[in-house]
Amino acid sequence: MINFKNYVKDAVNTELYKLKIDITINEIDAIIDSIIFDWNEIGDPDANFEALVEWNVDQYLTHA
């Protein structure tokens, strides 16, 4: 079984790579925690995970 946190980390790193952004491990961990919190709050198995990752990364970079 895939560890969800590792799956989220891979998605965040992919998004950061696409944006050509390099941030610290602590910053990545903060984004991961935010995504996992949001995903659990949504509670919709049909929700768009990729959009959630993009939004969280964008929000973090905009407000950091």
PDB file of N, CA and C in Angstrom:
ATOM      1  N   MET A   1       0.845  -1.188   0.000  1.00  0.00           N
ATOM      2  CA  MET A   1       0.000   0.000   0.000  1.00  0.00           C
ATOM      3  C   MET A   1       0.885   1.244   0.000  1.00  0.00           C
ATOM      4  N   ILE A   2       0.512   2.194  -0.811  1.00  0.00           N
ATOM      5  CA  ILE A   2       1.270   3.433  -0.933  1.00  0.00           C
ATOM      6  C   ILE A   2       0.996   4.325   0.277  1.00  0.00           C
ATOM      7  N   ASN A   3       2.049   4.876   0.847  1.00  0.00           N
ATOM      8  CA  ASN A   3       1.925   5.829   1.935  1.00  0.00           C
ATOM      9  C   ASN A   3       1.416   7.149   1.352  1.00  0.00           C
ATOM     10  N   PHE A   4       0.267   7.624   1.858  1.00  0.00           N
ATOM     11  CA  PHE A   4      -0.358   8.820   1.293  1.00  0.00           C
ATOM     12  C   PHE A   4       0.552  10.043   1.418  1.00  0.00           C
ATOM     13  N   LYS A   5       1.256  10.170   2.535  1.00  0.00           N
ATOM     14  CA  LYS A   5       2.137  11.327   2.715  1.00  0.00           C
ATOM     15  C   LYS A   5       3.241  11.329   1.655  1.00  0.00           C
ATOM     16  N   ASN A   6       3.797  10.160   1.339  1.00  0.00           N
ATOM     17  CA  ASN A   6       4.824  10.081   0.290  1.00  0.00           C
ATOM     18  C   ASN A   6       4.231  10.424  -1.075  1.00  0.00           C
ATOM     19  N   TYR A   7       3.006   9.991  -1.303  1.00  0.00           N
ATOM     20  CA  TYR A   7       2.311  10.302  -2.558  1.00  0.00           C
ATOM     21  C   TYR A   7       2.130  11.812  -2.695  1.00  0.00           C
ATOM     22  N   VAL A   8       1.712  12.457  -1.601  1.00  0.00           N
ATOM     23  CA  VAL A   8       1.534  13.915  -1.605  1.00  0.00           C
ATOM     24  C   VAL A   8       2.882  14.602  -1.814  1.00  0.00           C
ATOM     25  N   LYS A   9       3.924  14.109  -1.155  1.00  0.00           N
ATOM     26  CA  LYS A   9       5.263  14.697  -1.306  1.00  0.00           C
ATOM     27  C   LYS A   9       5.720  14.632  -2.757  1.00  0.00           C
ATOM     28  N   ASP A  10       5.501  13.499  -3.406  1.00  0.00           N
ATOM     29  CA  ASP A  10       5.864  13.367  -4.818  1.00  0.00           C
ATOM     30  C   ASP A  10       5.102  14.373  -5.678  1.00  0.00           C
ATOM     31  N   ALA A  11       3.815  14.548  -5.383  1.00  0.00           N
ATOM     32  CA  ALA A  11       2.992  15.492  -6.148  1.00  0.00           C
ATOM     33  C   ALA A  11       3.474  16.926  -5.931  1.00  0.00           C
ATOM     34  N   VAL A  12       3.824  17.272  -4.694  1.00  0.00           N
ATOM     35  CA  VAL A  12       4.318  18.623  -4.391  1.00  0.00           C
ATOM     36  C   VAL A  12       5.656  18.848  -5.095  1.00  0.00           C
ATOM     37  N   ASN A  13       6.551  17.889  -5.007  1.00  0.00           N
ATOM     38  CA  ASN A  13       7.853  18.035  -5.667  1.00  0.00           C
ATOM     39  C   ASN A  13       7.695  18.164  -7.178  1.00  0.00           C
ATOM     40  N   THR A  14       6.755  17.437  -7.757  1.00  0.00           N
ATOM     41  CA  THR A  14       6.492  17.546  -9.188  1.00  0.00           C
ATOM     42  C   THR A  14       5.998  18.942  -9.533  1.00  0.00           C
ATOM     43  N   GLU A  15       5.095  19.463  -8.736  1.00  0.00           N
ATOM     44  CA  GLU A  15       4.559  20.813  -8.981  1.00  0.00           C
ATOM     45  C   GLU A  15       5.665  21.864  -8.852  1.00  0.00           C
ATOM     46  N   LEU A  16       6.488  21.739  -7.827  1.00  0.00           N
ATOM     47  CA  LEU A  16       7.592  22.690  -7.645  1.00  0.00           C
ATOM     48  C   LEU A  16       8.586  22.597  -8.797  1.00  0.00           C
ATOM     49  N   TYR A  17       8.839  21.389  -9.283  1.00  0.00           N
ATOM     50  CA  TYR A  17       9.735  21.204 -10.419  1.00  0.00           C
ATOM     51  C   TYR A  17       9.183  21.890 -11.659  1.00  0.00           C
ATOM     52  N   LYS A  18       7.863  21.737 -11.901  1.00  0.00           N
ATOM     53  CA  LYS A  18       7.243  22.388 -13.056  1.00  0.00           C
ATOM     54  C   LYS A  18       7.376  23.904 -12.967  1.00  0.00           C
ATOM     55  N   LEU A  19       7.301  24.433 -11.746  1.00  0.00           N
ATOM     56  CA  LEU A  19       7.391  25.881 -11.538  1.00  0.00           C
ATOM     57  C   LEU A  19       8.836  26.366 -11.439  1.00  0.00           C
ATOM     58  N   LYS A  20       9.778  25.414 -11.428  1.00  0.00           N
ATOM     59  CA  LYS A  20      11.196  25.731 -11.282  1.00  0.00           C
ATOM     60  C   LYS A  20      11.467  26.489  -9.979  1.00  0.00           C
ATOM     61  N   ILE A  21      10.842  25.984  -8.900  1.00  0.00           N
ATOM     62  CA  ILE A  21      10.966  26.586  -7.577  1.00  0.00           C
ATOM     63  C   ILE A  21      11.711  25.620  -6.669  1.00  0.00           C
ATOM     64  N   ASP A  22      12.625  26.144  -5.885  1.00  0.00           N
ATOM     65  CA  ASP A  22      13.364  25.336  -4.922  1.00  0.00           C
ATOM     66  C   ASP A  22      13.116  25.918  -3.537  1.00  0.00           C
ATOM     67  N   ILE A  23      12.507  25.114  -2.652  1.00  0.00           N
ATOM     68  CA  ILE A  23      12.245  25.568  -1.288  1.00  0.00           C
ATOM     69  C   ILE A  23      12.795  24.531  -0.312  1.00  0.00           C
ATOM     70  N   THR A  24      12.800  24.876   0.961  1.00  0.00           N
ATOM     71  CA  THR A  24      13.378  23.989   1.971  1.00  0.00           C
ATOM     72  C   THR A  24      12.470  22.787   2.242  1.00  0.00           C
ATOM     73  N   ILE A  25      13.066  21.786   2.859  1.00  0.00           N
ATOM     74  CA  ILE A  25      12.309  20.584   3.246  1.00  0.00           C
ATOM     75  C   ILE A  25      11.204  20.958   4.230  1.00  0.00           C
ATOM     76  N   ASN A  26      11.489  21.875   5.146  1.00  0.00           N
ATOM     77  CA  ASN A  26      10.466  22.302   6.109  1.00  0.00           C
ATOM     78  C   ASN A  26       9.290  22.974   5.409  1.00  0.00           C
ATOM     79  N   GLU A  27       9.572  23.752   4.381  1.00  0.00           N
ATOM     80  CA  GLU A  27       8.493  24.388   3.623  1.00  0.00           C
ATOM     81  C   GLU A  27       7.677  23.345   2.863  1.00  0.00           C
ATOM     82  N   ILE A  28       8.354  22.369   2.296  1.00  0.00           N
ATOM     83  CA  ILE A  28       7.647  21.289   1.603  1.00  0.00           C
ATOM     84  C   ILE A  28       6.765  20.527   2.581  1.00  0.00           C
ATOM     85  N   ASP A  29       7.292  20.241   3.761  1.00  0.00           N
ATOM     86  CA  ASP A  29       6.500  19.540   4.785  1.00  0.00           C
ATOM     87  C   ASP A  29       5.265  20.337   5.185  1.00  0.00           C
ATOM     88  N   ALA A  30       5.386  21.656   5.254  1.00  0.00           N
ATOM     89  CA  ALA A  30       4.231  22.500   5.590  1.00  0.00           C
ATOM     90  C   ALA A  30       3.162  22.404   4.511  1.00  0.00           C
ATOM     91  N   ILE A  31       3.580  22.395   3.259  1.00  0.00           N
ATOM     92  CA  ILE A  31       2.617  22.266   2.151  1.00  0.00           C
ATOM     93  C   ILE A  31       1.961  20.890   2.191  1.00  0.00           C
ATOM     94  N   ILE A  32       2.740  19.856   2.435  1.00  0.00           N
ATOM     95  CA  ILE A  32       2.202  18.496   2.520  1.00  0.00           C
ATOM     96  C   ILE A  32       1.142  18.412   3.618  1.00  0.00           C
ATOM     97  N   ASP A  33       1.451  18.945   4.790  1.00  0.00           N
ATOM     98  CA  ASP A  33       0.489  18.924   5.898  1.00  0.00           C
ATOM     99  C   ASP A  33      -0.788  19.665   5.536  1.00  0.00           C
ATOM    100  N   SER A  34      -0.649  20.775   4.849  1.00  0.00           N
ATOM    101  CA  SER A  34      -1.816  21.552   4.432  1.00  0.00           C
ATOM    102  C   SER A  34      -2.678  20.765   3.448  1.00  0.00           C
ATOM    103  N   ILE A  35      -2.036  20.102   2.508  1.00  0.00           N
ATOM    104  CA  ILE A  35      -2.775  19.315   1.517  1.00  0.00           C
ATOM    105  C   ILE A  35      -3.508  18.160   2.187  1.00  0.00           C
ATOM    106  N   ILE A  36      -2.822  17.450   3.080  1.00  0.00           N
ATOM    107  CA  ILE A  36      -3.461  16.329   3.772  1.00  0.00           C
ATOM    108  C   ILE A  36      -4.643  16.824   4.605  1.00  0.00           C
ATOM    109  N   PHE A  37      -4.485  17.953   5.298  1.00  0.00           N
ATOM    110  CA  PHE A  37      -5.591  18.521   6.061  1.00  0.00           C
ATOM    111  C   PHE A  37      -6.762  18.854   5.143  1.00  0.00           C
ATOM    112  N   ASP A  38      -6.482  19.556   4.047  1.00  0.00           N
ATOM    113  CA  ASP A  38      -7.547  19.928   3.114  1.00  0.00           C
ATOM    114  C   ASP A  38      -8.230  18.696   2.530  1.00  0.00           C
ATOM    115  N   TRP A  39      -7.443  17.691   2.162  1.00  0.00           N
ATOM    116  CA  TRP A  39      -8.001  16.475   1.558  1.00  0.00           C
ATOM    117  C   TRP A  39      -8.945  15.781   2.543  1.00  0.00           C
ATOM    118  N   ASN A  40      -8.535  15.726   3.802  1.00  0.00           N
ATOM    119  CA  ASN A  40      -9.389  15.109   4.822  1.00  0.00           C
ATOM    120  C   ASN A  40     -10.646  15.928   5.070  1.00  0.00           C
ATOM    121  N   GLU A  41     -10.549  17.244   4.981  1.00  0.00           N
ATOM    122  CA  GLU A  41     -11.713  18.119   5.166  1.00  0.00           C
ATOM    123  C   GLU A  41     -12.707  17.993   4.013  1.00  0.00           C
ATOM    124  N   ILE A  42     -12.193  17.828   2.795  1.00  0.00           N
ATOM    125  CA  ILE A  42     -13.073  17.719   1.629  1.00  0.00           C
ATOM    126  C   ILE A  42     -13.912  16.458   1.737  1.00  0.00           C
ATOM    127  N   GLY A  43     -13.281  15.358   2.030  1.00  0.00           N
ATOM    128  CA  GLY A  43     -13.992  14.104   2.203  1.00  0.00           C
ATOM    129  C   GLY A  43     -14.693  13.592   0.956  1.00  0.00           C
ATOM    130  N   ASP A  44     -14.297  14.072  -0.203  1.00  0.00           N
ATOM    131  CA  ASP A  44     -14.931  13.668  -1.459  1.00  0.00           C
ATOM    132  C   ASP A  44     -13.934  12.847  -2.268  1.00  0.00           C
ATOM    133  N   PRO A  45     -14.196  11.550  -2.434  1.00  0.00           N
ATOM    134  CA  PRO A  45     -13.247  10.721  -3.172  1.00  0.00           C
ATOM    135  C   PRO A  45     -13.116  11.107  -4.646  1.00  0.00           C
ATOM    136  N   ASP A  46     -14.060  11.894  -5.157  1.00  0.00           N
ATOM    137  CA  ASP A  46     -13.999  12.326  -6.554  1.00  0.00           C
ATOM    138  C   ASP A  46     -13.370  13.701  -6.719  1.00  0.00           C
ATOM    139  N   ALA A  47     -12.871  14.281  -5.620  1.00  0.00           N
ATOM    140  CA  ALA A  47     -12.261  15.608  -5.683  1.00  0.00           C
ATOM    141  C   ALA A  47     -11.000  15.560  -6.544  1.00  0.00           C
ATOM    142  N   ASN A  48     -10.634  16.687  -7.110  1.00  0.00           N
ATOM    143  CA  ASN A  48      -9.475  16.777  -7.997  1.00  0.00           C
ATOM    144  C   ASN A  48      -8.208  16.990  -7.161  1.00  0.00           C
ATOM    145  N   PHE A  49      -7.464  15.911  -6.961  1.00  0.00           N
ATOM    146  CA  PHE A  49      -6.264  15.961  -6.135  1.00  0.00           C
ATOM    147  C   PHE A  49      -5.205  16.881  -6.730  1.00  0.00           C
ATOM    148  N   GLU A  50      -5.012  16.801  -8.041  1.00  0.00           N
ATOM    149  CA  GLU A  50      -3.985  17.628  -8.685  1.00  0.00           C
ATOM    150  C   GLU A  50      -4.286  19.114  -8.506  1.00  0.00           C
ATOM    151  N   ALA A  51      -5.547  19.490  -8.619  1.00  0.00           N
ATOM    152  CA  ALA A  51      -5.934  20.891  -8.426  1.00  0.00           C
ATOM    153  C   ALA A  51      -5.690  21.321  -6.984  1.00  0.00           C
ATOM    154  N   LEU A  52      -5.925  20.420  -6.049  1.00  0.00           N
ATOM    155  CA  LEU A  52      -5.675  20.727  -4.643  1.00  0.00           C
ATOM    156  C   LEU A  52      -4.188  20.960  -4.395  1.00  0.00           C
ATOM    157  N   VAL A  53      -3.346  20.147  -5.012  1.00  0.00           N
ATOM    158  CA  VAL A  53      -1.898  20.311  -4.872  1.00  0.00           C
ATOM    159  C   VAL A  53      -1.466  21.646  -5.483  1.00  0.00           C
ATOM    160  N   GLU A  54      -1.918  21.920  -6.691  1.00  0.00           N
ATOM    161  CA  GLU A  54      -1.566  23.179  -7.354  1.00  0.00           C
ATOM    162  C   GLU A  54      -1.995  24.371  -6.519  1.00  0.00           C
ATOM    163  N   TRP A  55      -3.213  24.329  -5.994  1.00  0.00           N
ATOM    164  CA  TRP A  55      -3.742  25.457  -5.208  1.00  0.00           C
ATOM    165  C   TRP A  55      -2.924  25.657  -3.942  1.00  0.00           C
ATOM    166  N   ASN A  56      -2.607  24.572  -3.234  1.00  0.00           N
ATOM    167  CA  ASN A  56      -1.842  24.693  -1.991  1.00  0.00           C
ATOM    168  C   ASN A  56      -0.436  25.211  -2.241  1.00  0.00           C
ATOM    169  N   VAL A  57       0.217  24.724  -3.284  1.00  0.00           N
ATOM    170  CA  VAL A  57       1.560  25.219  -3.607  1.00  0.00           C
ATOM    171  C   VAL A  57       1.491  26.699  -3.955  1.00  0.00           C
ATOM    172  N   ASP A  58       0.525  27.065  -4.785  1.00  0.00           N
ATOM    173  CA  ASP A  58       0.361  28.476  -5.166  1.00  0.00           C
ATOM    174  C   ASP A  58       0.099  29.353  -3.944  1.00  0.00           C
ATOM    175  N   GLN A  59      -0.785  28.910  -3.069  1.00  0.00           N
ATOM    176  CA  GLN A  59      -1.098  29.688  -1.871  1.00  0.00           C
ATOM    177  C   GLN A  59       0.122  29.837  -0.982  1.00  0.00           C
ATOM    178  N   TYR A  60       0.887  28.780  -0.826  1.00  0.00           N
ATOM    179  CA  TYR A  60       2.077  28.846   0.008  1.00  0.00           C
ATOM    180  C   TYR A  60       3.084  29.825  -0.580  1.00  0.00           C
ATOM    181  N   LEU A  61       3.323  29.724  -1.877  1.00  0.00           N
ATOM    182  CA  LEU A  61       4.308  30.605  -2.505  1.00  0.00           C
ATOM    183  C   LEU A  61       3.845  32.057  -2.528  1.00  0.00           C
ATOM    184  N   THR A  62       2.550  32.268  -2.652  1.00  0.00           N
ATOM    185  CA  THR A  62       2.011  33.622  -2.672  1.00  0.00           C
ATOM    186  C   THR A  62       2.093  34.290  -1.303  1.00  0.00           C
ATOM    187  N   HIS A  63       1.886  33.495  -0.244  1.00  0.00           N
ATOM    188  CA  HIS A  63       1.787  34.067   1.101  1.00  0.00           C
ATOM    189  C   HIS A  63       3.017  33.825   1.959  1.00  0.00           C
ATOM    190  N   ALA A  64       4.021  33.195   1.401  1.00  0.00           N
ATOM    191  CA  ALA A  64       5.233  32.895   2.197  1.00  0.00           C
ATOM    192  C   ALA A  64       6.170  34.086   2.214  1.00  0.00           C
TER     193      ALA A  64
END
